[in-house]
Amino acid sequence: MSTKGFFTDATLCIGCKACEVACKQWNQLPDDGFQFTGMSYDNTGALGASTWRHVAFVERPVPPSRDGTEKGDGNGAFSWTMVSDVCKHCERAGCLEACPTGAIVRTEFGSVYVQPDVCNGCGYCIVSCPFGVIDRREDDGRAWKCTLCYDRLKTEQEPACAKACPTDSILFGDLDELKERAHERLAELHQRGVSEARLYGVDAASQPGTEGLHAFFLLADEPEAYNLPPDPVVPTKRGKEAWVFAALSVVAMGALSWGVGALRG
């Protein structure tokens, strides 16, 4: 069984939120409220237990034109940077490594899946996700996140979000094939003069803290512009480093004590 994943191209996202709606509808997720959030058209705010696909509308000021004058009407002009965010199904998943009950497993498709009947709501997975994806639902206390539409994959259907995307901003398929398409798309954008375009999380080299993502992105700006962490690291990856530093500290303290004793003697 080949590893499946998502390739999300932010340069093609139009912010229609069809992916959000399709995800909620298929997975029967509760709404996130219909109050005004003050975040443009972003009524869901962030990924969470009831939002497994989140279309971010990140507002930013419009930069001055080349002649130094301000674009727009000069009265607080801004633009939107949009991208459809989702669980990354990391190659090295912090949530999976932290789960004490075995509720979180790696499926035959390479996705990271939370078994709701095994989850005890301890929350260790939540603090171990470097992307802030997984969260507990208030009504039952269990952790929930994107399943990569595991039920659909088992019947050879693509995930609901990818199927609903009208611009093919969200592509689903074999991970190796998606990576090839991503590099081709990146080369195309660079050839067209979009020099700021970059891939995010496509492999271990570009995302060493998680060893690569099974849901990766093509961005047209720094990751921070899309509210993505620039250097996410699975907490357990730093555990070995912490033990090494602790051991070195003990050795250093021992050497210092020996040196002080030798001077006094």
Protein backbone atom coordinates (compact mmCIF):
# COMPACT_ATOMS: atom_id res chain seq x y z
CA MET A 1 0.00 0.00 0.00
CA SER A 2 1.54 3.33 -1.08
CA THR A 3 1.76 6.27 1.30
CA LYS A 4 -0.92 8.86 0.61
CA GLY A 5 -0.95 12.56 1.37
CA PHE A 6 -1.93 16.11 0.46
CA PHE A 7 -0.14 18.74 -1.59
CA THR A 8 -1.72 22.14 -0.94
CA ASP A 9 -0.76 24.97 -3.29
CA ALA A 10 -1.44 28.29 -1.55
CA THR A 11 -1.00 30.20 -4.81
CA LEU A 12 -4.18 28.56 -6.15
CA CYS A 13 -6.32 28.97 -3.03
CA ILE A 14 -9.23 31.42 -3.53
CA GLY A 15 -10.54 31.20 0.02
CA CYS A 16 -13.89 29.72 -0.97
CA LYS A 17 -13.92 27.38 2.07
CA ALA A 18 -15.43 24.54 0.02
CA CYS A 19 -12.88 22.23 1.63
CA GLU A 20 -13.97 23.28 5.12
CA VAL A 21 -17.62 22.71 4.34
CA ALA A 22 -17.01 19.35 2.66
CA CYS A 23 -14.88 18.18 5.60
CA LYS A 24 -17.50 19.16 8.16
CA GLN A 25 -20.32 17.67 6.14
CA TRP A 26 -18.68 14.31 5.47
CA ASN A 27 -17.29 13.87 8.99
CA GLN A 28 -20.43 15.28 10.65
CA LEU A 29 -18.40 17.80 12.65
CA PRO A 30 -20.12 20.39 14.86
CA ASP A 31 -20.11 24.05 13.86
CA ASP A 32 -17.69 26.52 15.38
CA GLY A 33 -20.28 29.18 16.12
CA PHE A 34 -21.65 31.91 13.91
CA GLN A 35 -20.45 34.95 15.83
CA PHE A 36 -18.30 37.71 14.35
CA THR A 37 -14.64 36.95 15.05
CA GLY A 38 -13.05 40.14 13.74
CA MET A 39 -10.82 38.02 11.45
CA SER A 40 -12.18 38.94 8.02
CA TYR A 41 -13.97 35.90 6.60
CA ASP A 42 -12.17 33.49 8.89
CA ASN A 43 -15.02 32.35 11.13
CA THR A 44 -13.30 29.13 12.26
CA GLY A 45 -10.09 30.74 13.47
CA ALA A 46 -7.80 27.72 13.62
CA LEU A 47 -7.58 23.97 13.33
CA GLY A 48 -9.13 22.10 16.23
CA ALA A 49 -11.35 19.27 17.38
CA SER A 50 -14.26 20.43 15.22
CA THR A 51 -12.28 22.06 12.40
CA TRP A 52 -10.11 19.58 10.51
CA ARG A 53 -9.61 21.84 7.47
CA HIS A 54 -9.11 25.53 8.07
CA VAL A 55 -8.87 28.19 5.38
CA ALA A 56 -6.82 30.99 6.86
CA PHE A 57 -7.36 34.57 5.75
CA VAL A 58 -4.17 36.25 6.94
CA GLU A 59 -4.35 40.01 6.57
CA ARG A 60 -1.19 41.97 5.88
CA PRO A 61 -0.47 45.57 4.79
CA VAL A 62 -0.04 46.20 1.09
CA PRO A 63 3.66 47.04 0.49
CA PRO A 64 4.59 50.35 -1.19
CA SER A 65 4.90 50.36 -4.96
CA ARG A 66 8.27 50.65 -6.65
CA ASP A 67 8.04 54.45 -6.81
CA GLY A 68 7.55 54.57 -3.04
CA THR A 69 3.88 55.49 -3.07
CA GLU A 70 1.34 53.43 -1.15
CA LYS A 71 -0.93 51.17 -3.12
CA GLY A 72 -4.68 51.28 -2.70
CA ASP A 73 -6.47 54.33 -1.33
CA GLY A 74 -3.80 55.03 1.30
CA ASN A 75 -6.25 54.32 4.11
CA GLY A 76 -5.11 51.10 5.71
CA ALA A 77 -4.81 49.08 2.49
CA PHE A 78 -4.23 45.37 3.06
CA SER A 79 -4.16 42.10 1.19
CA TRP A 80 -5.05 38.55 2.10
CA THR A 81 -2.75 35.58 2.15
CA MET A 82 -4.89 32.46 2.02
CA VAL A 83 -4.15 28.79 2.48
CA SER A 84 -6.13 25.71 3.46
CA ASP A 85 -4.40 24.23 6.50
CA VAL A 86 -4.79 20.66 7.74
CA CYS A 87 -3.15 18.04 9.95
CA LYS A 88 0.29 17.30 8.51
CA HIS A 89 0.27 13.52 9.26
CA CYS A 90 3.97 13.95 10.06
CA GLU A 91 6.50 11.30 9.13
CA ARG A 92 7.57 11.54 12.76
CA ALA A 93 4.37 12.44 14.58
CA GLY A 94 4.61 13.96 18.04
CA CYS A 95 1.01 13.09 18.88
CA LEU A 96 1.55 9.42 18.06
CA GLU A 97 4.77 9.20 20.06
CA ALA A 98 3.18 10.84 23.10
CA CYS A 99 -0.05 8.80 23.23
CA PRO A 100 0.09 6.45 26.27
CA THR A 101 -2.91 4.30 25.34
CA GLY A 102 -2.15 3.39 21.74
CA ALA A 103 -5.17 5.38 20.59
CA ILE A 104 -3.12 7.09 17.85
CA VAL A 105 -1.85 4.78 15.12
CA ARG A 106 -0.23 4.90 11.69
CA THR A 107 -2.60 3.51 9.07
CA GLU A 108 -1.78 1.47 6.01
CA PHE A 109 -1.98 4.72 3.99
CA GLY A 110 0.69 6.41 6.09
CA SER A 111 -1.78 8.73 7.81
CA VAL A 112 -1.98 9.35 11.56
CA TYR A 113 -5.34 8.27 12.94
CA VAL A 114 -6.94 8.77 16.37
CA GLN A 115 -9.10 5.85 17.48
CA PRO A 116 -11.90 7.55 19.41
CA ASP A 117 -12.90 4.37 21.25
CA VAL A 118 -9.39 4.06 22.72
CA CYS A 119 -8.65 7.74 23.47
CA ASN A 120 -8.90 8.57 27.20
CA GLY A 121 -8.62 12.34 26.79
CA CYS A 122 -5.28 12.69 28.61
CA GLY A 123 -4.16 15.52 26.31
CA TYR A 124 -0.52 14.43 25.92
CA CYS A 125 -0.95 14.49 22.14
CA ILE A 126 -2.10 18.10 22.20
CA VAL A 127 1.06 19.49 23.78
CA SER A 128 3.23 17.24 21.60
CA CYS A 129 1.96 18.54 18.24
CA PRO A 130 4.32 21.30 16.98
CA PHE A 131 1.56 22.61 14.69
CA GLY A 132 -1.23 22.95 17.25
CA VAL A 133 -3.49 20.72 15.16
CA ILE A 134 -5.05 18.23 17.54
CA ASP A 135 -7.42 19.25 20.32
CA ARG A 136 -10.04 17.86 22.71
CA ARG A 137 -13.74 18.27 22.08
CA GLU A 138 -15.56 19.96 24.93
CA ASP A 139 -18.52 17.60 24.98
CA ASP A 140 -16.61 14.33 25.47
CA GLY A 141 -13.01 15.33 26.28
CA ARG A 142 -11.48 13.10 23.61
CA ALA A 143 -8.89 14.26 21.07
CA TRP A 144 -9.91 14.73 17.44
CA LYS A 145 -8.24 15.77 14.19
CA CYS A 146 -8.18 15.07 10.45
CA THR A 147 -8.32 11.36 9.62
CA LEU A 148 -7.32 11.86 5.96
CA CYS A 149 -10.88 10.58 5.42
CA TYR A 150 -9.75 7.09 6.36
CA ASP A 151 -13.22 5.68 5.73
CA ARG A 152 -13.20 7.08 2.19
CA LEU A 153 -9.68 5.81 1.46
CA LYS A 154 -10.74 2.27 2.33
CA THR A 155 -13.31 2.46 -0.47
CA GLU A 156 -10.81 4.06 -2.89
CA GLN A 157 -12.34 7.55 -2.69
CA GLU A 158 -10.30 10.70 -2.29
CA PRO A 159 -10.75 12.84 0.85
CA ALA A 160 -13.77 15.12 0.84
CA CYS A 161 -11.73 18.34 0.98
CA ALA A 162 -9.65 17.52 -2.11
CA LYS A 163 -12.72 16.40 -4.02
CA ALA A 164 -14.52 19.68 -3.26
CA CYS A 165 -11.64 22.07 -4.09
CA PRO A 166 -12.62 23.92 -7.31
CA THR A 167 -9.11 25.16 -8.18
CA ASP A 168 -7.10 22.00 -7.42
CA SER A 169 -5.30 23.90 -4.70
CA ILE A 170 -5.62 20.68 -2.67
CA LEU A 171 -4.24 17.61 -4.43
CA PHE A 172 -4.42 14.11 -2.97
CA GLY A 173 -2.52 11.04 -4.08
CA ASP A 174 0.64 8.97 -3.72
CA LEU A 175 3.16 10.98 -1.75
CA ASP A 176 6.06 10.45 -4.17
CA GLU A 177 3.96 11.60 -7.12
CA LEU A 178 2.75 14.65 -5.21
CA LYS A 179 6.34 15.61 -4.44
CA GLU A 180 7.22 15.47 -8.13
CA ARG A 181 4.25 17.69 -8.99
CA ALA A 182 5.21 20.09 -6.21
CA HIS A 183 8.75 20.51 -7.52
CA GLU A 184 7.41 21.00 -11.06
CA ARG A 185 4.98 23.64 -9.84
CA LEU A 186 7.74 25.39 -7.89
CA ALA A 187 9.99 25.48 -10.97
CA GLU A 188 7.11 26.88 -13.01
CA LEU A 189 6.49 29.69 -10.54
CA HIS A 190 10.18 30.55 -10.34
CA GLN A 191 10.33 30.68 -14.13
CA ARG A 192 7.40 33.10 -14.07
CA GLY A 193 9.27 35.37 -11.68
CA VAL A 194 7.62 34.34 -8.42
CA SER A 195 10.98 34.04 -6.68
CA GLU A 196 9.46 34.01 -3.19
CA ALA A 197 7.64 30.70 -3.84
CA ARG A 198 8.88 27.84 -1.66
CA LEU A 199 7.96 24.34 -0.54
CA TYR A 200 7.16 23.68 3.10
CA GLY A 201 7.53 20.25 4.66
CA VAL A 202 8.05 18.29 1.47
CA ASP A 203 10.81 16.08 2.92
CA ALA A 204 13.15 15.57 5.86
CA ALA A 205 15.65 18.08 4.46
CA SER A 206 13.09 20.90 4.47
CA GLN A 207 11.40 19.78 7.70
CA PRO A 208 14.03 18.05 9.84
CA GLY A 209 12.04 18.48 13.06
CA THR A 210 9.33 16.12 11.84
CA GLU A 211 11.28 14.23 9.14
CA GLY A 212 8.88 15.54 6.49
CA LEU A 213 5.13 15.99 6.25
CA HIS A 214 2.51 13.85 4.52
CA ALA A 215 0.51 17.03 3.99
CA PHE A 216 2.91 19.63 2.62
CA PHE A 217 2.52 23.06 1.06
CA LEU A 218 3.68 25.40 -1.66
CA LEU A 219 3.82 28.92 -0.23
CA ALA A 220 4.39 32.32 -1.81
CA ASP A 221 5.89 33.86 1.32
CA GLU A 222 7.58 32.97 4.58
CA PRO A 223 5.75 30.26 6.59
CA GLU A 224 4.97 32.79 9.31
CA ALA A 225 2.84 34.74 6.83
CA TYR A 226 0.51 31.73 6.76
CA ASN A 227 0.65 31.19 10.53
CA LEU A 228 2.83 28.11 10.01
CA PRO A 229 5.81 27.55 12.33
CA PRO A 230 9.13 28.07 10.50
CA ASP A 231 10.96 25.32 12.39
CA PRO A 232 8.53 22.83 13.97
CA VAL A 233 10.14 20.08 16.03
CA VAL A 234 8.55 17.02 17.61
CA PRO A 235 9.27 17.33 21.36
CA THR A 236 10.61 13.79 21.69
CA LYS A 237 13.20 14.56 19.03
CA ARG A 238 14.87 16.92 21.47
CA GLY A 239 14.72 14.39 24.30
CA LYS A 240 17.99 12.75 23.27
CA GLU A 241 19.69 16.12 22.99
CA ALA A 242 18.46 17.04 26.47
CA TRP A 243 19.97 13.87 27.95
CA VAL A 244 23.27 14.52 26.18
CA PHE A 245 23.43 18.07 27.54
CA ALA A 246 22.51 16.82 31.01
CA ALA A 247 25.32 14.24 30.88
CA LEU A 248 27.82 16.86 29.69
CA SER A 249 26.71 19.15 32.50
CA VAL A 250 27.35 16.40 35.06
CA VAL A 251 30.81 15.78 33.61
CA ALA A 252 31.58 19.49 33.60
CA MET A 253 30.45 19.90 37.22
CA GLY A 254 32.54 16.89 38.23
CA ALA A 255 35.60 18.31 36.48
CA LEU A 256 35.04 21.69 38.14
CA SER A 257 34.70 20.11 41.59
CA TRP A 258 37.87 18.09 41.03
CA GLY A 259 39.72 21.20 39.91
CA VAL A 260 38.59 23.21 42.94
CA GLY A 261 39.58 20.35 45.23
CA ALA A 262 42.97 20.10 43.58
CA LEU A 263 43.60 23.83 44.03
CA ARG A 264 42.65 23.67 47.71
CA GLY A 265 44.89 20.66 48.22
